[in-house]
Protein backbone atom coordinates (compact mmCIF):
# COMPACT_ATOMS: atom_id res chain seq x y z
CA MET A 1 -173.50 45.95 -168.47
CA LYS A 2 -172.32 43.14 -166.38
CA LYS A 3 -172.20 39.36 -168.27
CA LYS A 4 -172.11 36.31 -166.34
CA ALA A 5 -170.19 33.42 -167.56
CA VAL A 6 -170.61 29.52 -166.22
CA SER A 7 -167.93 29.12 -164.06
CA PRO A 8 -164.55 26.90 -165.76
CA LEU A 9 -165.73 24.10 -162.89
CA ILE A 10 -169.21 24.09 -164.24
CA ALA A 11 -168.09 24.25 -167.85
CA ALA A 12 -165.99 20.94 -167.22
CA ILE A 13 -168.57 19.24 -165.61
CA LEU A 14 -170.93 19.82 -168.15
CA LEU A 15 -168.71 18.67 -171.12
CA ILE A 16 -167.86 15.15 -168.98
CA THR A 17 -171.27 14.25 -168.53
CA PHE A 18 -171.65 15.38 -172.25
CA SER A 19 -169.31 13.12 -173.49
CA ILE A 20 -170.10 10.19 -171.36
CA GLY A 21 -173.79 10.54 -172.49
CA ILE A 22 -173.02 10.26 -176.12
CA SER A 23 -170.88 7.53 -174.96
CA VAL A 24 -173.30 5.67 -173.60
CA MET A 25 -175.93 6.13 -176.70
CA VAL A 26 -173.23 5.41 -178.95
CA MET A 27 -172.62 1.95 -177.00
CA ASN A 28 -175.65 1.29 -176.91
CA TRP A 29 -176.59 1.52 -180.62
CA VAL A 30 -173.83 -0.40 -181.24
CA SER A 31 -173.89 -3.37 -179.01
CA PRO A 32 -176.74 -4.83 -180.75
CA LEU A 33 -175.43 -5.05 -184.25
CA ALA A 34 -171.93 -6.87 -182.67
CA ASN A 35 -173.90 -9.04 -180.86
CA THR A 36 -176.71 -9.65 -183.43
CA ASN A 37 -172.86 -10.48 -186.07
CA MET A 38 -171.53 -13.26 -183.28
CA GLU A 39 -175.31 -14.76 -183.26
CA LYS A 40 -175.61 -14.88 -186.81
CA THR A 41 -172.06 -16.83 -187.27
CA GLY A 42 -172.53 -18.67 -183.81
CA HIS A 43 -168.65 -18.21 -183.60
CA MET A 44 -168.89 -16.94 -180.10
CA ASP A 45 -170.67 -19.70 -178.22
CA ASP A 46 -169.05 -22.65 -180.59
CA THR A 47 -166.02 -21.46 -179.66
CA ARG A 48 -166.34 -20.83 -175.81
CA ASN A 49 -168.21 -24.85 -175.67
CA ILE A 50 -165.59 -26.61 -177.69
CA CYS A 51 -163.14 -25.31 -175.75
CA SER A 52 -164.59 -25.87 -172.55
CA THR A 53 -164.07 -29.63 -172.94
CA ALA A 54 -160.87 -29.51 -175.07
CA ARG A 55 -157.72 -31.64 -173.35
CA ALA A 56 -154.79 -33.33 -174.80
CA GLU A 57 -151.61 -34.39 -173.36
CA ILE A 58 -148.28 -35.35 -174.71
CA ILE A 59 -147.79 -39.15 -174.65
CA SER A 60 -143.96 -38.86 -175.93
CA VAL A 61 -140.82 -36.77 -176.50
CA GLY A 62 -138.07 -38.53 -178.49
CA ILE A 63 -134.81 -36.62 -179.65
CA VAL A 64 -131.72 -38.22 -181.79
CA PHE A 65 -128.67 -36.54 -180.96
CA GLY A 66 -127.77 -33.48 -184.08
CA GLU A 67 -130.49 -34.87 -185.99
CA SER A 68 -134.36 -34.77 -185.10
CA ALA A 69 -136.77 -34.36 -182.39
CA ALA A 70 -140.32 -35.71 -182.21
CA ILE A 71 -143.38 -35.37 -179.87
CA THR A 72 -146.40 -37.47 -179.68
CA ILE A 73 -149.43 -36.09 -178.76
CA GLN A 74 -152.99 -37.31 -177.52
CA ASN A 75 -156.48 -36.06 -177.35
CA THR A 76 -157.58 -36.72 -173.92
CA GLY A 77 -160.84 -34.51 -174.39
CA ASP A 78 -164.38 -34.61 -175.87
CA VAL A 79 -164.21 -32.81 -178.69
CA SER A 80 -161.90 -32.49 -182.02
CA ILE A 81 -159.09 -29.79 -181.22
CA ASN A 82 -156.92 -28.00 -183.85
CA LEU A 83 -153.11 -27.74 -182.91
CA THR A 84 -151.42 -24.84 -184.24
CA GLU A 85 -147.76 -24.98 -183.22
CA ALA A 86 -145.18 -27.46 -181.25
CA SER A 87 -141.93 -26.37 -180.16
CA ILE A 88 -138.95 -28.21 -178.01
CA TYR A 89 -136.26 -26.33 -175.78
CA ASN A 90 -133.11 -26.48 -174.91
CA LYS A 91 -131.64 -25.14 -171.43
CA ASN A 92 -130.42 -21.94 -173.34
CA TYR A 93 -134.36 -21.26 -174.46
CA ASP A 94 -133.31 -22.35 -177.99
CA PRO A 95 -136.58 -23.61 -180.13
CA CYS A 96 -136.70 -26.32 -182.42
CA ASN A 97 -140.27 -25.90 -184.24
CA LEU A 98 -141.93 -28.61 -184.95
CA ASP A 99 -144.51 -29.68 -187.77
CA PHE A 100 -147.60 -31.99 -187.30
CA ASP A 101 -148.47 -35.08 -189.50
CA ASP A 102 -152.07 -33.87 -189.04
CA SER A 103 -152.80 -30.60 -186.96
CA MET A 104 -156.85 -31.76 -186.65
CA LEU A 105 -156.83 -34.08 -183.70
CA ASP A 106 -160.04 -35.99 -183.16
CA VAL A 107 -161.04 -37.59 -180.01
CA GLY A 108 -158.88 -40.15 -178.95
CA ASP A 109 -156.59 -40.04 -181.56
CA PHE A 110 -152.58 -39.42 -181.81
CA ALA A 111 -150.78 -36.85 -183.48
CA THR A 112 -146.89 -36.36 -184.05
CA ALA A 113 -145.06 -33.47 -184.32
CA LYS A 114 -141.20 -33.77 -185.70
CA ASN A 115 -138.34 -31.79 -187.10
CA ASN A 116 -135.65 -33.69 -188.86
CA THR A 117 -133.25 -31.21 -188.57
CA CYS A 118 -133.08 -30.39 -185.25
CA ASN A 119 -129.65 -29.96 -183.93
CA ILE A 120 -129.66 -27.89 -180.44
CA PHE A 121 -129.64 -31.11 -178.22
CA ASN A 122 -125.87 -33.11 -177.56
CA ASN A 123 -127.34 -35.00 -174.88
CA CYS A 124 -130.55 -35.70 -172.41
CA ASP A 125 -129.32 -32.78 -170.07
CA ASP A 126 -129.77 -29.88 -172.62
CA PHE A 127 -133.78 -30.73 -172.69
CA LEU A 128 -135.57 -28.56 -170.87
CA LEU A 129 -139.24 -28.73 -172.34
CA ALA A 130 -141.91 -29.26 -174.80
CA ASP A 131 -144.99 -27.15 -175.70
CA VAL A 132 -147.73 -27.84 -177.85
CA VAL A 133 -150.19 -25.05 -178.34
CA SER A 134 -153.86 -25.23 -179.78
CA VAL A 135 -156.71 -22.86 -181.50
CA CYS A 136 -158.15 -22.95 -177.80
CA LYS A 137 -156.31 -21.17 -175.27
CA ASN A 138 -157.30 -23.22 -172.47
CA VAL A 139 -154.95 -26.18 -173.97
CA ILE A 140 -151.43 -25.33 -174.16
CA ILE A 141 -149.63 -28.79 -173.42
CA ARG A 142 -146.15 -28.30 -171.48
CA PHE A 143 -143.77 -31.53 -170.81
CA ASN A 144 -140.93 -31.00 -168.50
CA ASN A 145 -140.04 -34.54 -167.45
CA ASN A 146 -136.20 -35.98 -167.74
CA LEU A 147 -135.63 -37.85 -170.65
CA GLU A 148 -133.90 -41.32 -170.54
CA ASN A 149 -130.64 -41.78 -172.74
CA THR A 150 -130.98 -44.17 -175.73
CA THR A 151 -128.17 -45.17 -177.90
CA ASN A 152 -128.19 -42.36 -180.20
CA GLY A 153 -130.51 -39.61 -178.07
CA CYS A 154 -133.27 -39.78 -175.41
CA ARG A 155 -136.79 -40.31 -175.02
CA SER A 156 -139.84 -40.16 -172.26
CA SER A 157 -139.97 -43.09 -169.93
């Protein structure tokens, strides 16, 4: 008695087709559930809308050698933004992390981020850049201009 079996190539094609079919069915079943949850919370649209008009800029940078550093930020966008972190770096990429006086920045308002124990700068030439990051991915503020010498430190012009 001769029995014929399905060739290995046909079996592999059938297995792949079956797997893709099951995957599509599961995706169609799960996708509406995920969208419903996002719509209920409103998170998806709110974040996209808020972040599309969010803008800010670093107004000033100040350093007191061996002591402290500060950054002043202004919200120049159309919505309030939440600032998450601020750092100032020297030429060796050593960071000095700064704390905000108020991380929620309303339209047109200013916030200050400072560190009273920042001792990574010995002169103005040590300054590399200052970064401020917000909840919105499109709002990353960078300041990398030269600083001017003052009596005991340096500041932006």
